[in-house]
Amino acid sequence: MPIMTESEKLNFLDEPGLLMRIGTVREDGSPLVTPIWFLCEEGSVFFTPRAQSEWFSCLKRDPRISLCIDENEQPYRKIVVEGQAELLYDLGEDDTWRDLYRRIATRYTPPEAAEAYVQNTIDQVRALYRVEMSQANVRTWRMPVQGESATGIWHRRYYAEGTKFGDMSE
């Protein structure tokens, strides 16, 4: 199973338009997964819940998270991050970090539209969270690319002994 190099990982996380799914834990212990915008800078993933979002309530109570950033096209790159979300700025401190939010919005819309979005939602207070990748469990995966073995599609543990790919992956 090919893992991404550090360079591949950083380039992938910098691609515009990729959504991140954040997994949190509800008060009753059930999982909640929400697709959201994000920004990766300086080895950290930043994201911003609005005051009324359910996943913000979950994070305030329990900062454990699972993040999944992936793509629908080959080579099907995936990054899964498991760790703790750190609240950098609570509700009402938006002015302190609004430029970072502009950078997040610009990943998903053209600059003029991003600024319009920020201005149109400026009264919707947000918090700012960070997950430091060096402090989290990070796994990456992608399909084999030209020149790599096709047996690398899955982790070795998934190949049953006596099967075509199981025998090839020995």
C-alpha atoms as a PDB file:
ATOM      1  CA  MET A   1       0.000   0.000   0.000  1.00  0.00           C
ATOM      2  CA  PRO A   2       1.831   3.125  -1.135  1.00  0.00           C
ATOM      3  CA  ILE A   3       1.970   5.894   1.415  1.00  0.00           C
ATOM      4  CA  MET A   4       2.471   9.457   0.318  1.00  0.00           C
ATOM      5  CA  THR A   5       5.853  11.049   0.636  1.00  0.00           C
ATOM      6  CA  GLU A   6       6.000  14.183   2.777  1.00  0.00           C
ATOM      7  CA  SER A   7       6.112  16.261  -0.401  1.00  0.00           C
ATOM      8  CA  GLU A   8       3.094  14.427  -1.900  1.00  0.00           C
ATOM      9  CA  LYS A   9       1.181  14.907   1.363  1.00  0.00           C
ATOM     10  CA  LEU A  10       1.877  18.653   1.566  1.00  0.00           C
ATOM     11  CA  ASN A  11       1.052  19.189  -2.118  1.00  0.00           C
ATOM     12  CA  PHE A  12      -2.199  17.250  -1.721  1.00  0.00           C
ATOM     13  CA  LEU A  13      -3.253  19.219   1.370  1.00  0.00           C
ATOM     14  CA  ASP A  14      -2.572  22.450  -0.515  1.00  0.00           C
ATOM     15  CA  GLU A  15      -4.874  21.593  -3.433  1.00  0.00           C
ATOM     16  CA  PRO A  16      -7.883  23.918  -3.576  1.00  0.00           C
ATOM     17  CA  GLY A  17     -11.399  22.624  -3.116  1.00  0.00           C
ATOM     18  CA  LEU A  18     -10.745  19.448  -1.135  1.00  0.00           C
ATOM     19  CA  LEU A  19     -13.252  19.015   1.663  1.00  0.00           C
ATOM     20  CA  MET A  20     -12.290  17.545   4.993  1.00  0.00           C
ATOM     21  CA  ARG A  21     -14.602  15.297   6.938  1.00  0.00           C
ATOM     22  CA  ILE A  22     -14.323  15.775  10.670  1.00  0.00           C
ATOM     23  CA  GLY A  23     -15.430  13.009  12.981  1.00  0.00           C
ATOM     24  CA  THR A  24     -16.444  13.981  16.506  1.00  0.00           C
ATOM     25  CA  VAL A  25     -18.206  12.230  19.374  1.00  0.00           C
ATOM     26  CA  ARG A  26     -21.718  13.224  20.433  1.00  0.00           C
ATOM     27  CA  GLU A  27     -22.677  13.350  24.099  1.00  0.00           C
ATOM     28  CA  ASP A  28     -24.430   9.971  23.786  1.00  0.00           C
ATOM     29  CA  GLY A  29     -21.232   8.445  22.370  1.00  0.00           C
ATOM     30  CA  SER A  30     -22.461   8.210  18.788  1.00  0.00           C
ATOM     31  CA  PRO A  31     -20.225   9.471  15.980  1.00  0.00           C
ATOM     32  CA  LEU A  32     -20.840  12.651  14.007  1.00  0.00           C
ATOM     33  CA  VAL A  33     -19.100  13.212  10.661  1.00  0.00           C
ATOM     34  CA  THR A  34     -19.317  16.608   8.959  1.00  0.00           C
ATOM     35  CA  PRO A  35     -17.711  17.792   5.697  1.00  0.00           C
ATOM     36  CA  ILE A  36     -16.020  21.163   6.225  1.00  0.00           C
ATOM     37  CA  TRP A  37     -13.510  23.631   4.781  1.00  0.00           C
ATOM     38  CA  PHE A  38      -9.963  23.571   6.132  1.00  0.00           C
ATOM     39  CA  LEU A  39      -6.508  25.012   5.691  1.00  0.00           C
ATOM     40  CA  CYS A  40      -3.177  23.282   6.254  1.00  0.00           C
ATOM     41  CA  GLU A  41      -0.297  25.597   7.156  1.00  0.00           C
ATOM     42  CA  GLU A  42       2.952  25.096   9.037  1.00  0.00           C
ATOM     43  CA  GLY A  43       2.192  21.468   9.851  1.00  0.00           C
ATOM     44  CA  SER A  44      -1.265  22.152  11.299  1.00  0.00           C
ATOM     45  CA  VAL A  45      -4.803  21.752  10.035  1.00  0.00           C
ATOM     46  CA  PHE A  46      -7.076  24.716  10.838  1.00  0.00           C
ATOM     47  CA  PHE A  47     -10.889  24.701  10.776  1.00  0.00           C
ATOM     48  CA  THR A  48     -13.687  26.926  12.009  1.00  0.00           C
ATOM     49  CA  PRO A  49     -17.038  25.878  13.455  1.00  0.00           C
ATOM     50  CA  ARG A  50     -19.879  28.349  13.703  1.00  0.00           C
ATOM     51  CA  ALA A  51     -21.470  28.870  17.097  1.00  0.00           C
ATOM     52  CA  GLN A  52     -24.547  26.740  16.360  1.00  0.00           C
ATOM     53  CA  SER A  53     -22.831  23.824  14.632  1.00  0.00           C
ATOM     54  CA  GLU A  54     -23.380  20.494  16.336  1.00  0.00           C
ATOM     55  CA  TRP A  55     -19.781  19.453  15.856  1.00  0.00           C
ATOM     56  CA  PHE A  56     -18.610  22.576  17.726  1.00  0.00           C
ATOM     57  CA  SER A  57     -20.635  21.441  20.746  1.00  0.00           C
ATOM     58  CA  CYS A  58     -19.053  18.021  20.430  1.00  0.00           C
ATOM     59  CA  LEU A  59     -15.516  19.465  20.317  1.00  0.00           C
ATOM     60  CA  LYS A  60     -16.096  21.723  23.306  1.00  0.00           C
ATOM     61  CA  ARG A  61     -17.070  18.684  25.347  1.00  0.00           C
ATOM     62  CA  ASP A  62     -14.555  16.204  23.869  1.00  0.00           C
ATOM     63  CA  PRO A  63     -11.644  17.384  21.688  1.00  0.00           C
ATOM     64  CA  ARG A  64     -10.924  13.947  20.182  1.00  0.00           C
ATOM     65  CA  ILE A  65     -11.231  14.063  16.404  1.00  0.00           C
ATOM     66  CA  SER A  66     -10.725  12.057  13.287  1.00  0.00           C
ATOM     67  CA  LEU A  67     -10.138  13.933  10.043  1.00  0.00           C
ATOM     68  CA  CYS A  68     -10.369  12.466   6.559  1.00  0.00           C
ATOM     69  CA  ILE A  69      -9.191  14.342   3.484  1.00  0.00           C
ATOM     70  CA  ASP A  70      -9.504  12.397   0.253  1.00  0.00           C
ATOM     71  CA  GLU A  71     -10.318  12.642  -3.421  1.00  0.00           C
ATOM     72  CA  ASN A  72     -12.743  10.917  -5.789  1.00  0.00           C
ATOM     73  CA  GLU A  73     -10.324  10.613  -8.728  1.00  0.00           C
ATOM     74  CA  GLN A  74      -7.330   8.323  -9.118  1.00  0.00           C
ATOM     75  CA  PRO A  75      -4.835   7.921  -7.580  1.00  0.00           C
ATOM     76  CA  TYR A  76      -7.424   8.128  -4.734  1.00  0.00           C
ATOM     77  CA  ARG A  77      -5.154   9.911  -2.293  1.00  0.00           C
ATOM     78  CA  LYS A  78      -6.282   9.812   1.326  1.00  0.00           C
ATOM     79  CA  ILE A  79      -5.057  11.305   4.562  1.00  0.00           C
ATOM     80  CA  VAL A  80      -6.547  10.296   7.903  1.00  0.00           C
ATOM     81  CA  VAL A  81      -5.595  12.238  11.025  1.00  0.00           C
ATOM     82  CA  GLU A  82      -6.577  11.124  14.523  1.00  0.00           C
ATOM     83  CA  GLY A  83      -5.838  13.282  17.507  1.00  0.00           C
ATOM     84  CA  GLN A  84      -6.938  16.197  19.649  1.00  0.00           C
ATOM     85  CA  ALA A  85      -8.389  19.468  18.364  1.00  0.00           C
ATOM     86  CA  GLU A  86      -6.960  22.523  20.095  1.00  0.00           C
ATOM     87  CA  LEU A  87      -9.227  25.546  20.519  1.00  0.00           C
ATOM     88  CA  LEU A  88      -7.078  28.531  19.535  1.00  0.00           C
ATOM     89  CA  TYR A  89      -9.807  31.183  19.609  1.00  0.00           C
ATOM     90  CA  ASP A  90     -13.259  30.862  21.105  1.00  0.00           C
ATOM     91  CA  LEU A  91     -16.413  32.534  19.831  1.00  0.00           C
ATOM     92  CA  GLY A  92     -16.284  36.288  19.500  1.00  0.00           C
ATOM     93  CA  GLU A  93     -12.547  36.504  18.823  1.00  0.00           C
ATOM     94  CA  ASP A  94     -13.002  36.342  15.029  1.00  0.00           C
ATOM     95  CA  ASP A  95     -11.321  39.697  14.348  1.00  0.00           C
ATOM     96  CA  THR A  96      -8.065  38.298  15.732  1.00  0.00           C
ATOM     97  CA  TRP A  97      -7.827  35.565  13.097  1.00  0.00           C
ATOM     98  CA  ARG A  98     -10.066  36.787  10.251  1.00  0.00           C
ATOM     99  CA  ASP A  99      -7.169  36.840   7.753  1.00  0.00           C
ATOM    100  CA  LEU A 100      -6.701  33.118   8.304  1.00  0.00           C
ATOM    101  CA  TYR A 101     -10.404  32.637   7.611  1.00  0.00           C
ATOM    102  CA  ARG A 102      -9.998  34.598   4.362  1.00  0.00           C
ATOM    103  CA  ARG A 103      -7.254  32.157   3.362  1.00  0.00           C
ATOM    104  CA  ILE A 104      -9.575  29.239   4.128  1.00  0.00           C
ATOM    105  CA  ALA A 105     -12.405  30.755   2.055  1.00  0.00           C
ATOM    106  CA  THR A 106     -10.030  31.464  -0.839  1.00  0.00           C
ATOM    107  CA  ARG A 107      -9.219  27.742  -1.073  1.00  0.00           C
ATOM    108  CA  TYR A 108     -12.856  27.125  -2.022  1.00  0.00           C
ATOM    109  CA  THR A 109     -13.937  30.213  -3.963  1.00  0.00           C
ATOM    110  CA  PRO A 110     -12.250  32.889  -6.087  1.00  0.00           C
ATOM    111  CA  PRO A 111     -10.765  35.764  -4.023  1.00  0.00           C
ATOM    112  CA  GLU A 112     -13.632  38.208  -4.732  1.00  0.00           C
ATOM    113  CA  ALA A 113     -16.245  35.615  -3.814  1.00  0.00           C
ATOM    114  CA  ALA A 114     -14.269  34.623  -0.713  1.00  0.00           C
ATOM    115  CA  GLU A 115     -14.181  38.225   0.497  1.00  0.00           C
ATOM    116  CA  ALA A 116     -17.908  38.604  -0.201  1.00  0.00           C
ATOM    117  CA  TYR A 117     -18.558  35.405   1.755  1.00  0.00           C
ATOM    118  CA  VAL A 118     -16.489  36.643   4.698  1.00  0.00           C
ATOM    119  CA  GLN A 119     -18.285  40.009   4.697  1.00  0.00           C
ATOM    120  CA  ASN A 120     -21.741  38.428   4.290  1.00  0.00           C
ATOM    121  CA  THR A 121     -21.165  36.060   7.216  1.00  0.00           C
ATOM    122  CA  ILE A 122     -19.077  38.332   9.438  1.00  0.00           C
ATOM    123  CA  ASP A 123     -21.884  38.400  12.013  1.00  0.00           C
ATOM    124  CA  GLN A 124     -21.837  34.588  12.301  1.00  0.00           C
ATOM    125  CA  VAL A 125     -19.271  34.124  15.033  1.00  0.00           C
ATOM    126  CA  ARG A 126     -16.868  31.243  14.727  1.00  0.00           C
ATOM    127  CA  ALA A 127     -14.209  29.531  16.768  1.00  0.00           C
ATOM    128  CA  LEU A 128     -10.821  28.509  15.419  1.00  0.00           C
ATOM    129  CA  TYR A 129      -9.378  25.054  15.999  1.00  0.00           C
ATOM    130  CA  ARG A 130      -6.060  23.514  15.107  1.00  0.00           C
ATOM    131  CA  VAL A 131      -4.712  19.991  14.930  1.00  0.00           C
ATOM    132  CA  GLU A 132      -0.938  19.781  14.901  1.00  0.00           C
ATOM    133  CA  MET A 133      -0.075  16.906  12.593  1.00  0.00           C
ATOM    134  CA  SER A 134       3.136  16.161  14.502  1.00  0.00           C
ATOM    135  CA  GLN A 135       1.002  15.524  17.614  1.00  0.00           C
ATOM    136  CA  ALA A 136      -1.521  13.294  15.823  1.00  0.00           C
ATOM    137  CA  ASN A 137      -1.639   9.849  14.277  1.00  0.00           C
ATOM    138  CA  VAL A 138      -1.445  10.529  10.512  1.00  0.00           C
ATOM    139  CA  ARG A 139      -1.937   7.832   7.881  1.00  0.00           C
ATOM    140  CA  THR A 140      -1.739   8.360   4.132  1.00  0.00           C
ATOM    141  CA  TRP A 141      -2.612   6.141   1.220  1.00  0.00           C
ATOM    142  CA  ARG A 142      -2.865   6.267  -2.532  1.00  0.00           C
ATOM    143  CA  MET A 143      -3.244   3.862  -5.403  1.00  0.00           C
ATOM    144  CA  PRO A 144      -0.026   2.632  -6.984  1.00  0.00           C
ATOM    145  CA  VAL A 145       1.191   4.872  -9.773  1.00  0.00           C
ATOM    146  CA  GLN A 146       3.026   3.852 -12.925  1.00  0.00           C
ATOM    147  CA  GLY A 147       6.043   1.733 -12.083  1.00  0.00           C
ATOM    148  CA  GLU A 148       4.701   0.582  -8.689  1.00  0.00           C
ATOM    149  CA  SER A 149       3.386  -2.912  -8.007  1.00  0.00           C
ATOM    150  CA  ALA A 150      -0.373  -3.420  -8.355  1.00  0.00           C
ATOM    151  CA  THR A 151      -0.224  -5.618  -5.250  1.00  0.00           C
ATOM    152  CA  GLY A 152       0.186  -2.423  -3.277  1.00  0.00           C
ATOM    153  CA  ILE A 153      -3.490  -1.535  -3.581  1.00  0.00           C
ATOM    154  CA  TRP A 154      -4.253  -2.690  -0.050  1.00  0.00           C
ATOM    155  CA  HIS A 155      -2.282  -3.181   3.113  1.00  0.00           C
ATOM    156  CA  ARG A 156      -0.697  -6.648   3.256  1.00  0.00           C
ATOM    157  CA  ARG A 157      -3.060  -7.778   6.030  1.00  0.00           C
ATOM    158  CA  TYR A 158      -6.020  -7.630   3.608  1.00  0.00           C
ATOM    159  CA  TYR A 159      -4.641 -10.236   1.193  1.00  0.00           C
ATOM    160  CA  ALA A 160      -5.829 -13.744   2.021  1.00  0.00           C
ATOM    161  CA  GLU A 161      -3.232 -16.490   1.682  1.00  0.00           C
ATOM    162  CA  GLY A 162      -3.613 -18.547  -1.468  1.00  0.00           C
ATOM    163  CA  THR A 163      -5.201 -15.727  -3.485  1.00  0.00           C
ATOM    164  CA  LYS A 164      -3.703 -14.160  -6.607  1.00  0.00           C
ATOM    165  CA  PHE A 165      -2.555 -10.903  -4.955  1.00  0.00           C
ATOM    166  CA  GLY A 166      -1.851 -12.636  -1.655  1.00  0.00           C
ATOM    167  CA  ASP A 167       0.655 -14.909  -3.378  1.00  0.00           C
ATOM    168  CA  MET A 168       2.120 -12.017  -5.414  1.00  0.00           C
ATOM    169  CA  SER A 169       2.634  -9.817  -2.368  1.00  0.00           C
ATOM    170  CA  GLU A 170       4.888 -12.359  -0.614  1.00  0.00           C
END
